[in-house]
Amino acid sequence: MNINTEVDLAGLHATITAAIAERFPSLATVEFYREDREELPVPACILDLCEFEGEPSVDPGTGQLAVMARFEAELIIGFRTPEAKMSLRLLAGAFAAFLHKKRWPGGLTSEAEQIHAYKDDFKPALDQYEVWCVEWRQIIHLGESVWSGEGVTPTTIMLGFAPEVGFGHEDDYIQIAPEAA
């Protein structure tokens, strides 16, 4: 059995970007970590994976580190867009609803949770835009699984009840799965 729940971060980024672009085709820009905002095609969704926080209550049983990953999406439209303030709030609401319990295909994440949307007026580089930020969190597993899939797969499963277990009690076991042919 191969229990590899390791998240390919580059693949997860691509999956998230593609899913948002598909769901919101009116967005002219959907990308992670855009630095150049001088000539930003709008409306835009600029994404960021901003934090990993260890999640000690989650143990995948694979030797991997479970972390709560925090994502941000800046939703940006030009301030001259007709009804810009209302349009942006409608977009932020639709985006938050899209994220509700969202798992990314092939992304090996938990459901999106702690979704939070708010007006973001504190970025001087975006003064000519209306901006709302939507944050969410998802658990992902980092590192390689200790389960490689190598070894022997059992074909017969036997059940024993303590204290009649171990050497000398082989005849006390009950077969619960048939032997493989």
N, C-alpha and C. Protein backbone atom coordinates (compact mmCIF):
# COMPACT_ATOMS: atom_id res chain seq x y z
N MET A 1 0.84 -1.17 0.00
CA MET A 1 0.00 0.00 0.00
C MET A 1 0.89 1.23 0.00
N ASN A 2 0.59 2.19 -0.86
CA ASN A 2 1.35 3.42 -0.92
C ASN A 2 0.48 4.53 -0.34
N ILE A 3 0.82 5.00 0.84
CA ILE A 3 0.05 6.06 1.47
C ILE A 3 0.86 7.33 1.39
N ASN A 4 0.84 7.96 0.24
CA ASN A 4 1.58 9.20 0.06
C ASN A 4 0.59 10.34 0.02
N THR A 5 0.54 11.10 1.09
CA THR A 5 -0.35 12.25 1.14
C THR A 5 0.42 13.56 1.05
N GLU A 6 1.68 13.47 0.61
CA GLU A 6 2.50 14.68 0.49
C GLU A 6 1.91 15.61 -0.56
N VAL A 7 1.81 16.87 -0.19
CA VAL A 7 1.29 17.87 -1.11
C VAL A 7 2.44 18.41 -1.95
N ASP A 8 2.26 18.37 -3.25
CA ASP A 8 3.18 19.00 -4.19
C ASP A 8 2.76 20.48 -4.24
N LEU A 9 3.51 21.34 -3.58
CA LEU A 9 3.10 22.74 -3.46
C LEU A 9 2.96 23.43 -4.81
N ALA A 10 3.87 23.17 -5.73
CA ALA A 10 3.76 23.79 -7.06
C ALA A 10 2.50 23.31 -7.77
N GLY A 11 2.22 22.01 -7.65
CA GLY A 11 1.00 21.47 -8.25
C GLY A 11 -0.26 22.02 -7.61
N LEU A 12 -0.23 22.19 -6.28
CA LEU A 12 -1.38 22.76 -5.58
C LEU A 12 -1.63 24.19 -6.03
N HIS A 13 -0.57 24.97 -6.18
CA HIS A 13 -0.71 26.35 -6.67
C HIS A 13 -1.38 26.34 -8.05
N ALA A 14 -0.92 25.48 -8.94
CA ALA A 14 -1.48 25.41 -10.30
C ALA A 14 -2.95 24.98 -10.26
N THR A 15 -3.27 24.04 -9.39
CA THR A 15 -4.64 23.55 -9.27
C THR A 15 -5.57 24.65 -8.78
N ILE A 16 -5.14 25.39 -7.76
CA ILE A 16 -5.96 26.47 -7.22
C ILE A 16 -6.18 27.55 -8.28
N THR A 17 -5.11 27.94 -8.96
CA THR A 17 -5.20 28.97 -9.99
C THR A 17 -6.18 28.55 -11.09
N ALA A 18 -6.05 27.31 -11.56
CA ALA A 18 -6.92 26.83 -12.63
C ALA A 18 -8.39 26.77 -12.19
N ALA A 19 -8.64 26.31 -10.96
CA ALA A 19 -10.01 26.20 -10.47
C ALA A 19 -10.67 27.57 -10.34
N ILE A 20 -9.92 28.57 -9.87
CA ILE A 20 -10.47 29.92 -9.73
C ILE A 20 -10.73 30.53 -11.10
N ALA A 21 -9.78 30.36 -12.02
CA ALA A 21 -9.96 30.91 -13.37
C ALA A 21 -11.17 30.28 -14.06
N GLU A 22 -11.38 28.99 -13.83
CA GLU A 22 -12.53 28.31 -14.44
C GLU A 22 -13.84 28.79 -13.83
N ARG A 23 -13.87 28.95 -12.52
CA ARG A 23 -15.11 29.34 -11.83
C ARG A 23 -15.43 30.81 -12.04
N PHE A 24 -14.42 31.65 -12.20
CA PHE A 24 -14.60 33.09 -12.36
C PHE A 24 -13.95 33.56 -13.67
N PRO A 25 -14.56 33.23 -14.80
CA PRO A 25 -13.94 33.54 -16.10
C PRO A 25 -13.82 35.04 -16.38
N SER A 26 -14.54 35.88 -15.64
CA SER A 26 -14.43 37.33 -15.88
C SER A 26 -13.16 37.93 -15.30
N LEU A 27 -12.42 37.16 -14.47
CA LEU A 27 -11.16 37.66 -13.92
C LEU A 27 -10.10 37.69 -15.02
N ALA A 28 -9.52 38.85 -15.23
CA ALA A 28 -8.48 38.99 -16.26
C ALA A 28 -7.13 38.44 -15.78
N THR A 29 -6.93 38.40 -14.47
CA THR A 29 -5.68 37.92 -13.89
C THR A 29 -6.00 37.00 -12.71
N VAL A 30 -5.43 35.81 -12.74
CA VAL A 30 -5.50 34.89 -11.60
C VAL A 30 -4.11 34.29 -11.48
N GLU A 31 -3.36 34.69 -10.46
CA GLU A 31 -2.02 34.16 -10.30
C GLU A 31 -1.52 34.34 -8.87
N PHE A 32 -0.52 33.56 -8.53
CA PHE A 32 0.14 33.65 -7.24
C PHE A 32 1.31 34.63 -7.33
N TYR A 33 1.53 35.37 -6.28
CA TYR A 33 2.74 36.14 -6.01
C TYR A 33 3.09 37.19 -7.07
N ARG A 34 2.09 37.83 -7.63
CA ARG A 34 2.38 38.86 -8.63
C ARG A 34 3.04 40.06 -7.95
N GLU A 35 4.18 40.43 -8.45
CA GLU A 35 4.92 41.57 -7.88
C GLU A 35 4.55 42.87 -8.61
N ASP A 36 4.47 42.81 -9.94
CA ASP A 36 4.19 44.00 -10.74
C ASP A 36 2.70 44.30 -10.71
N ARG A 37 2.37 45.40 -10.07
CA ARG A 37 0.96 45.77 -10.00
C ARG A 37 0.70 47.10 -10.71
N GLU A 38 1.71 47.58 -11.40
CA GLU A 38 1.58 48.83 -12.13
C GLU A 38 0.63 48.66 -13.31
N GLU A 39 0.81 47.59 -14.05
CA GLU A 39 -0.03 47.33 -15.22
C GLU A 39 -0.78 46.04 -15.00
N LEU A 40 -1.65 46.05 -14.03
CA LEU A 40 -2.39 44.87 -13.61
C LEU A 40 -3.70 44.79 -14.38
N PRO A 41 -3.86 43.74 -15.20
CA PRO A 41 -5.16 43.56 -15.86
C PRO A 41 -6.21 43.23 -14.79
N VAL A 42 -7.27 44.02 -14.75
CA VAL A 42 -8.33 43.83 -13.76
C VAL A 42 -9.64 43.50 -14.47
N PRO A 43 -10.54 42.84 -13.78
CA PRO A 43 -10.48 42.40 -12.40
C PRO A 43 -9.42 41.31 -12.22
N ALA A 44 -8.89 41.27 -11.00
CA ALA A 44 -7.77 40.36 -10.74
C ALA A 44 -7.96 39.63 -9.42
N CYS A 45 -7.33 38.47 -9.36
CA CYS A 45 -7.25 37.69 -8.13
C CYS A 45 -5.77 37.34 -7.95
N ILE A 46 -5.13 37.98 -6.98
CA ILE A 46 -3.72 37.73 -6.70
C ILE A 46 -3.67 36.88 -5.43
N LEU A 47 -3.06 35.73 -5.55
CA LEU A 47 -3.05 34.72 -4.49
C LEU A 47 -1.72 34.66 -3.77
N ASP A 48 -1.79 34.22 -2.52
CA ASP A 48 -0.59 34.08 -1.71
C ASP A 48 -0.80 32.93 -0.73
N LEU A 49 0.20 32.06 -0.62
CA LEU A 49 0.25 31.09 0.46
C LEU A 49 1.14 31.75 1.50
N CYS A 50 0.54 32.25 2.58
CA CYS A 50 1.29 33.12 3.49
C CYS A 50 1.78 32.49 4.77
N GLU A 51 1.31 31.29 5.11
CA GLU A 51 1.72 30.78 6.41
C GLU A 51 1.51 29.27 6.48
N PHE A 52 2.42 28.60 7.18
CA PHE A 52 2.25 27.21 7.62
C PHE A 52 2.30 27.23 9.13
N GLU A 53 1.32 26.63 9.77
CA GLU A 53 1.35 26.51 11.22
C GLU A 53 1.14 25.04 11.56
N GLY A 54 2.08 24.47 12.32
CA GLY A 54 1.97 23.07 12.70
C GLY A 54 0.61 22.78 13.31
N GLU A 55 0.05 21.64 12.97
CA GLU A 55 -1.28 21.24 13.45
C GLU A 55 -1.11 19.96 14.26
N PRO A 56 -0.74 20.10 15.56
CA PRO A 56 -0.41 18.93 16.37
C PRO A 56 -1.59 17.97 16.59
N SER A 57 -2.81 18.44 16.43
CA SER A 57 -3.97 17.56 16.65
C SER A 57 -4.22 16.64 15.47
N VAL A 58 -3.50 16.84 14.37
CA VAL A 58 -3.67 16.01 13.17
C VAL A 58 -2.40 15.21 12.94
N ASP A 59 -2.52 13.90 12.99
CA ASP A 59 -1.39 13.03 12.69
C ASP A 59 -1.79 12.12 11.55
N PRO A 60 -1.24 12.34 10.37
CA PRO A 60 -1.65 11.51 9.23
C PRO A 60 -1.19 10.06 9.33
N GLY A 61 -0.36 9.72 10.32
CA GLY A 61 0.11 8.35 10.47
C GLY A 61 1.11 7.94 9.41
N THR A 62 1.74 8.93 8.80
CA THR A 62 2.67 8.68 7.71
C THR A 62 4.06 9.23 7.98
N GLY A 63 4.25 9.83 9.15
CA GLY A 63 5.52 10.47 9.47
C GLY A 63 5.64 11.86 8.88
N GLN A 64 4.58 12.35 8.24
CA GLN A 64 4.61 13.67 7.63
C GLN A 64 4.17 14.73 8.64
N LEU A 65 4.49 15.98 8.34
CA LEU A 65 4.08 17.10 9.17
C LEU A 65 2.76 17.64 8.64
N ALA A 66 1.74 17.61 9.47
CA ALA A 66 0.46 18.23 9.11
C ALA A 66 0.53 19.70 9.51
N VAL A 67 0.22 20.58 8.56
CA VAL A 67 0.23 22.01 8.84
C VAL A 67 -1.08 22.62 8.38
N MET A 68 -1.46 23.69 9.08
CA MET A 68 -2.58 24.50 8.62
C MET A 68 -1.96 25.55 7.70
N ALA A 69 -2.32 25.50 6.43
CA ALA A 69 -1.80 26.45 5.45
C ALA A 69 -2.80 27.59 5.32
N ARG A 70 -2.32 28.82 5.41
CA ARG A 70 -3.19 29.98 5.26
C ARG A 70 -2.95 30.62 3.90
N PHE A 71 -4.04 30.77 3.17
CA PHE A 71 -4.02 31.36 1.83
C PHE A 71 -4.74 32.70 1.87
N GLU A 72 -4.33 33.61 0.99
CA GLU A 72 -5.02 34.88 0.79
C GLU A 72 -5.27 35.07 -0.69
N ALA A 73 -6.41 35.66 -0.99
CA ALA A 73 -6.72 36.07 -2.35
C ALA A 73 -7.10 37.54 -2.31
N GLU A 74 -6.33 38.37 -2.99
CA GLU A 74 -6.69 39.78 -3.13
C GLU A 74 -7.56 39.90 -4.37
N LEU A 75 -8.76 40.35 -4.19
CA LEU A 75 -9.67 40.58 -5.31
C LEU A 75 -9.61 42.06 -5.63
N ILE A 76 -9.28 42.38 -6.86
CA ILE A 76 -8.93 43.76 -7.23
C ILE A 76 -9.72 44.17 -8.47
N ILE A 77 -10.35 45.35 -8.38
CA ILE A 77 -10.97 45.95 -9.56
C ILE A 77 -10.58 47.42 -9.60
N GLY A 78 -10.66 48.03 -10.77
CA GLY A 78 -10.34 49.45 -10.91
C GLY A 78 -11.38 50.30 -10.19
N PHE A 79 -10.93 51.38 -9.55
CA PHE A 79 -11.87 52.21 -8.79
C PHE A 79 -12.86 52.93 -9.69
N ARG A 80 -12.57 52.99 -10.99
CA ARG A 80 -13.49 53.64 -11.94
C ARG A 80 -14.51 52.66 -12.53
N THR A 81 -14.43 51.42 -12.16
CA THR A 81 -15.41 50.43 -12.62
C THR A 81 -16.80 50.88 -12.15
N PRO A 82 -17.81 50.83 -13.03
CA PRO A 82 -19.15 51.21 -12.59
C PRO A 82 -19.58 50.37 -11.38
N GLU A 83 -20.10 51.07 -10.39
CA GLU A 83 -20.54 50.42 -9.16
C GLU A 83 -19.44 49.53 -8.57
N ALA A 84 -18.23 50.06 -8.54
CA ALA A 84 -17.05 49.29 -8.14
C ALA A 84 -17.20 48.69 -6.74
N LYS A 85 -17.66 49.47 -5.80
CA LYS A 85 -17.74 48.96 -4.42
C LYS A 85 -18.70 47.78 -4.31
N MET A 86 -19.87 47.91 -4.93
CA MET A 86 -20.83 46.81 -4.87
C MET A 86 -20.34 45.61 -5.68
N SER A 87 -19.78 45.86 -6.85
CA SER A 87 -19.27 44.76 -7.68
C SER A 87 -18.22 43.94 -6.94
N LEU A 88 -17.35 44.63 -6.24
CA LEU A 88 -16.28 43.94 -5.52
C LEU A 88 -16.83 43.13 -4.35
N ARG A 89 -17.81 43.67 -3.66
CA ARG A 89 -18.41 42.92 -2.55
C ARG A 89 -19.15 41.68 -3.06
N LEU A 90 -19.81 41.82 -4.19
CA LEU A 90 -20.47 40.66 -4.79
C LEU A 90 -19.45 39.60 -5.18
N LEU A 91 -18.33 40.03 -5.75
CA LEU A 91 -17.27 39.10 -6.11
C LEU A 91 -16.69 38.43 -4.87
N ALA A 92 -16.43 39.19 -3.82
CA ALA A 92 -15.88 38.62 -2.59
C ALA A 92 -16.84 37.61 -1.97
N GLY A 93 -18.13 37.91 -1.99
CA GLY A 93 -19.12 36.97 -1.47
C GLY A 93 -19.18 35.70 -2.28
N ALA A 94 -19.15 35.83 -3.61
CA ALA A 94 -19.17 34.65 -4.48
C ALA A 94 -17.90 33.82 -4.30
N PHE A 95 -16.78 34.50 -4.12
CA PHE A 95 -15.50 33.81 -3.93
C PHE A 95 -15.51 33.04 -2.61
N ALA A 96 -15.99 33.68 -1.54
CA ALA A 96 -16.07 33.01 -0.24
C ALA A 96 -16.99 31.79 -0.32
N ALA A 97 -18.12 31.91 -1.01
CA ALA A 97 -19.04 30.78 -1.17
C ALA A 97 -18.38 29.66 -1.96
N PHE A 98 -17.60 30.02 -2.97
CA PHE A 98 -16.86 29.03 -3.77
C PHE A 98 -15.89 28.24 -2.90
N LEU A 99 -15.28 28.91 -1.91
CA LEU A 99 -14.30 28.26 -1.05
C LEU A 99 -14.93 27.37 0.01
N HIS A 100 -16.20 27.57 0.31
CA HIS A 100 -16.86 26.84 1.39
C HIS A 100 -16.67 25.33 1.23
N LYS A 101 -15.94 24.72 2.18
CA LYS A 101 -15.66 23.28 2.21
C LYS A 101 -14.91 22.79 0.96
N LYS A 102 -14.22 23.69 0.28
CA LYS A 102 -13.53 23.37 -0.98
C LYS A 102 -12.31 22.50 -0.73
N ARG A 103 -12.21 21.43 -1.50
CA ARG A 103 -11.00 20.61 -1.60
C ARG A 103 -10.53 20.75 -3.05
N TRP A 104 -9.24 20.87 -3.23
CA TRP A 104 -8.70 21.06 -4.58
C TRP A 104 -8.46 19.71 -5.22
N PRO A 105 -8.92 19.51 -6.44
CA PRO A 105 -8.73 18.20 -7.11
C PRO A 105 -7.25 17.83 -7.14
N GLY A 106 -6.95 16.64 -6.66
CA GLY A 106 -5.58 16.16 -6.66
C GLY A 106 -4.68 16.87 -5.67
N GLY A 107 -5.22 17.80 -4.90
CA GLY A 107 -4.40 18.61 -4.02
C GLY A 107 -4.16 18.04 -2.64
N LEU A 108 -4.88 16.97 -2.27
CA LEU A 108 -4.69 16.32 -0.97
C LEU A 108 -4.78 17.31 0.18
N THR A 109 -5.82 18.11 0.20
CA THR A 109 -6.02 19.08 1.28
C THR A 109 -7.27 18.73 2.06
N SER A 110 -7.36 19.27 3.27
CA SER A 110 -8.62 19.21 4.00
C SER A 110 -9.58 20.22 3.35
N GLU A 111 -10.80 20.26 3.85
CA GLU A 111 -11.75 21.26 3.37
C GLU A 111 -11.28 22.65 3.78
N ALA A 112 -11.57 23.63 2.94
CA ALA A 112 -11.27 25.02 3.30
C ALA A 112 -12.11 25.40 4.50
N GLU A 113 -11.49 26.12 5.42
CA GLU A 113 -12.20 26.55 6.63
C GLU A 113 -11.72 27.92 7.03
N GLN A 114 -12.36 28.47 8.04
CA GLN A 114 -12.03 29.80 8.57
C GLN A 114 -11.96 30.83 7.45
N ILE A 115 -12.96 30.81 6.60
CA ILE A 115 -13.02 31.74 5.47
C ILE A 115 -13.39 33.12 6.01
N HIS A 116 -12.61 34.11 5.60
CA HIS A 116 -12.76 35.46 6.13
C HIS A 116 -12.57 36.43 4.96
N ALA A 117 -13.51 37.34 4.77
CA ALA A 117 -13.39 38.33 3.70
C ALA A 117 -13.49 39.73 4.31
N TYR A 118 -12.66 40.64 3.80
CA TYR A 118 -12.66 41.99 4.35
C TYR A 118 -12.09 42.98 3.34
N LYS A 119 -12.49 44.24 3.51
CA LYS A 119 -11.99 45.33 2.69
C LYS A 119 -10.53 45.57 3.05
N ASP A 120 -9.70 45.76 2.04
CA ASP A 120 -8.26 45.93 2.26
C ASP A 120 -7.81 47.26 1.69
N ASP A 121 -7.73 48.26 2.54
CA ASP A 121 -7.35 49.62 2.11
C ASP A 121 -5.91 49.98 2.44
N PHE A 122 -5.11 49.04 2.87
CA PHE A 122 -3.81 49.38 3.44
C PHE A 122 -2.63 49.05 2.55
N LYS A 123 -2.80 49.10 1.26
CA LYS A 123 -1.68 48.85 0.35
C LYS A 123 -1.55 50.04 -0.60
N PRO A 124 -0.60 50.92 -0.32
CA PRO A 124 -0.45 52.12 -1.16
C PRO A 124 -0.26 51.81 -2.65
N ALA A 125 0.35 50.69 -2.98
CA ALA A 125 0.57 50.34 -4.39
C ALA A 125 -0.75 50.07 -5.11
N LEU A 126 -1.82 49.89 -4.34
CA LEU A 126 -3.12 49.58 -4.95
C LEU A 126 -4.12 50.72 -4.76
N ASP A 127 -3.63 51.94 -4.61
CA ASP A 127 -4.53 53.08 -4.37
C ASP A 127 -5.53 53.32 -5.50
N GLN A 128 -5.18 52.97 -6.73
CA GLN A 128 -6.09 53.22 -7.85
C GLN A 128 -7.10 52.09 -8.04
N TYR A 129 -7.13 51.17 -7.08
CA TYR A 129 -8.01 50.01 -7.15
C TYR A 129 -8.90 49.91 -5.92
N GLU A 130 -9.97 49.18 -6.07
CA GLU A 130 -10.77 48.73 -4.94
C GLU A 130 -10.29 47.30 -4.65
N VAL A 131 -10.04 47.00 -3.37
CA VAL A 131 -9.46 45.71 -3.02
C VAL A 131 -10.20 45.10 -1.83
N TRP A 132 -10.54 43.84 -1.98
CA TRP A 132 -11.01 43.03 -0.86
C TRP A 132 -10.11 41.81 -0.77
N CYS A 133 -9.91 41.33 0.43
CA CYS A 133 -9.08 40.16 0.66
C CYS A 133 -9.96 39.03 1.20
N VAL A 134 -9.76 37.83 0.68
CA VAL A 134 -10.44 36.65 1.20
C VAL A 134 -9.36 35.69 1.68
N GLU A 135 -9.45 35.29 2.93
CA GLU A 135 -8.48 34.35 3.52
C GLU A 135 -9.18 33.03 3.79
N TRP A 136 -8.40 31.96 3.71
CA TRP A 136 -8.91 30.66 4.13
C TRP A 136 -7.74 29.80 4.58
N ARG A 137 -8.08 28.73 5.28
CA ARG A 137 -7.07 27.80 5.80
C ARG A 137 -7.44 26.39 5.40
N GLN A 138 -6.40 25.58 5.16
CA GLN A 138 -6.58 24.17 4.84
C GLN A 138 -5.40 23.39 5.38
N ILE A 139 -5.67 22.18 5.87
CA ILE A 139 -4.59 21.32 6.35
C ILE A 139 -3.96 20.61 5.15
N ILE A 140 -2.63 20.64 5.13
CA ILE A 140 -1.87 19.89 4.12
C ILE A 140 -0.75 19.14 4.84
N HIS A 141 -0.22 18.13 4.18
CA HIS A 141 0.87 17.33 4.75
C HIS A 141 2.16 17.63 4.01
N LEU A 142 3.21 17.92 4.76
CA LEU A 142 4.51 18.22 4.18
C LEU A 142 5.48 17.07 4.47
N GLY A 143 6.36 16.81 3.54
CA GLY A 143 7.36 15.76 3.70
C GLY A 143 6.90 14.45 3.11
N GLU A 144 7.84 13.51 3.07
CA GLU A 144 7.57 12.21 2.46
C GLU A 144 6.92 11.26 3.46
N SER A 145 6.06 10.40 2.95
CA SER A 145 5.43 9.36 3.75
C SER A 145 6.44 8.25 4.04
N VAL A 146 6.34 7.66 5.24
CA VAL A 146 7.19 6.51 5.56
C VAL A 146 6.66 5.24 4.89
N TRP A 147 5.44 5.30 4.39
CA TRP A 147 4.83 4.13 3.74
C TRP A 147 5.13 4.20 2.25
N SER A 148 6.02 3.36 1.79
CA SER A 148 6.47 3.41 0.40
C SER A 148 5.69 2.47 -0.50
N GLY A 149 4.96 1.53 0.06
CA GLY A 149 4.26 0.56 -0.76
C GLY A 149 5.08 -0.68 -1.01
N GLU A 150 6.31 -0.69 -0.51
CA GLU A 150 7.16 -1.86 -0.68
C GLU A 150 6.88 -2.85 0.45
N GLY A 151 7.16 -4.10 0.20
CA GLY A 151 6.97 -5.12 1.23
C GLY A 151 5.92 -6.13 0.83
N VAL A 152 5.50 -6.93 1.78
CA VAL A 152 4.55 -8.00 1.52
C VAL A 152 3.17 -7.58 2.01
N THR A 153 2.17 -7.73 1.16
CA THR A 153 0.80 -7.47 1.55
C THR A 153 0.20 -8.74 2.12
N PRO A 154 -0.38 -8.68 3.32
CA PRO A 154 -0.97 -9.89 3.91
C PRO A 154 -2.11 -10.42 3.04
N THR A 155 -2.21 -11.75 2.99
CA THR A 155 -3.30 -12.37 2.24
C THR A 155 -4.30 -13.04 3.16
N THR A 156 -3.90 -13.32 4.39
CA THR A 156 -4.79 -13.93 5.37
C THR A 156 -4.78 -13.07 6.62
N ILE A 157 -5.97 -12.77 7.13
CA ILE A 157 -6.07 -11.97 8.34
C ILE A 157 -6.70 -12.84 9.42
N MET A 158 -6.03 -12.89 10.55
CA MET A 158 -6.49 -13.70 11.66
C MET A 158 -6.78 -12.79 12.86
N LEU A 159 -7.80 -13.18 13.66
CA LEU A 159 -8.21 -12.41 14.81
C LEU A 159 -8.05 -13.25 16.07
N GLY A 160 -7.44 -12.65 17.08
CA GLY A 160 -7.29 -13.32 18.37
C GLY A 160 -7.75 -12.42 19.49
N PHE A 161 -8.16 -13.01 20.61
CA PHE A 161 -8.64 -12.25 21.76
C PHE A 161 -7.71 -12.50 22.94
N ALA A 162 -7.24 -11.41 23.55
CA ALA A 162 -6.35 -11.51 24.71
C ALA A 162 -7.13 -12.13 25.87
N PRO A 163 -6.51 -12.93 26.64
CA PRO A 163 -5.08 -13.20 26.71
C PRO A 163 -4.65 -14.39 25.86
N GLU A 164 -5.57 -15.00 25.09
CA GLU A 164 -5.22 -16.18 24.29
C GLU A 164 -4.62 -15.76 22.96
N VAL A 165 -3.48 -15.08 22.99
CA VAL A 165 -2.80 -14.63 21.78
C VAL A 165 -1.33 -15.00 21.85
N GLY A 166 -0.70 -15.00 20.68
CA GLY A 166 0.73 -15.26 20.62
C GLY A 166 1.04 -16.74 20.48
N PHE A 167 2.34 -17.05 20.65
CA PHE A 167 2.79 -18.44 20.51
C PHE A 167 2.03 -19.33 21.49
N GLY A 168 1.67 -20.51 20.99
CA GLY A 168 0.93 -21.47 21.80
C GLY A 168 -0.57 -21.30 21.71
N HIS A 169 -1.03 -20.22 21.05
CA HIS A 169 -2.47 -19.98 20.93
C HIS A 169 -2.90 -19.89 19.47
N GLU A 170 -2.09 -20.42 18.57
CA GLU A 170 -2.40 -20.33 17.15
C GLU A 170 -3.77 -20.90 16.83
N ASP A 171 -4.18 -21.97 17.50
CA ASP A 171 -5.48 -22.60 17.22
C ASP A 171 -6.64 -21.79 17.77
N ASP A 172 -6.38 -20.78 18.61
CA ASP A 172 -7.45 -19.95 19.17
C ASP A 172 -7.83 -18.79 18.24
N TYR A 173 -7.06 -18.55 17.19
CA TYR A 173 -7.34 -17.45 16.26
C TYR A 173 -8.46 -17.83 15.30
N ILE A 174 -9.18 -16.81 14.82
CA ILE A 174 -10.26 -16.98 13.85
C ILE A 174 -9.84 -16.27 12.57
N GLN A 175 -9.99 -16.95 11.45
CA GLN A 175 -9.67 -16.31 10.16
C GLN A 175 -10.83 -15.39 9.78
N ILE A 176 -10.53 -14.12 9.51
CA ILE A 176 -11.59 -13.17 9.16
C ILE A 176 -11.52 -12.72 7.70
N ALA A 177 -10.51 -13.10 7.01
CA ALA A 177 -10.43 -12.80 5.59
C ALA A 177 -9.93 -14.05 4.88
N PRO A 178 -10.55 -14.37 3.76
CA PRO A 178 -10.12 -15.59 3.07
C PRO A 178 -8.72 -15.45 2.50
N GLU A 179 -8.05 -16.57 2.37
CA GLU A 179 -6.73 -16.56 1.75
C GLU A 179 -6.89 -16.21 0.29
N ALA A 180 -5.93 -15.48 -0.23
CA ALA A 180 -5.95 -15.12 -1.65
C ALA A 180 -5.66 -16.36 -2.49
N ALA A 181 -6.30 -16.39 -3.64
CA ALA A 181 -6.10 -17.55 -4.52
C ALA A 181 -4.82 -17.45 -5.28
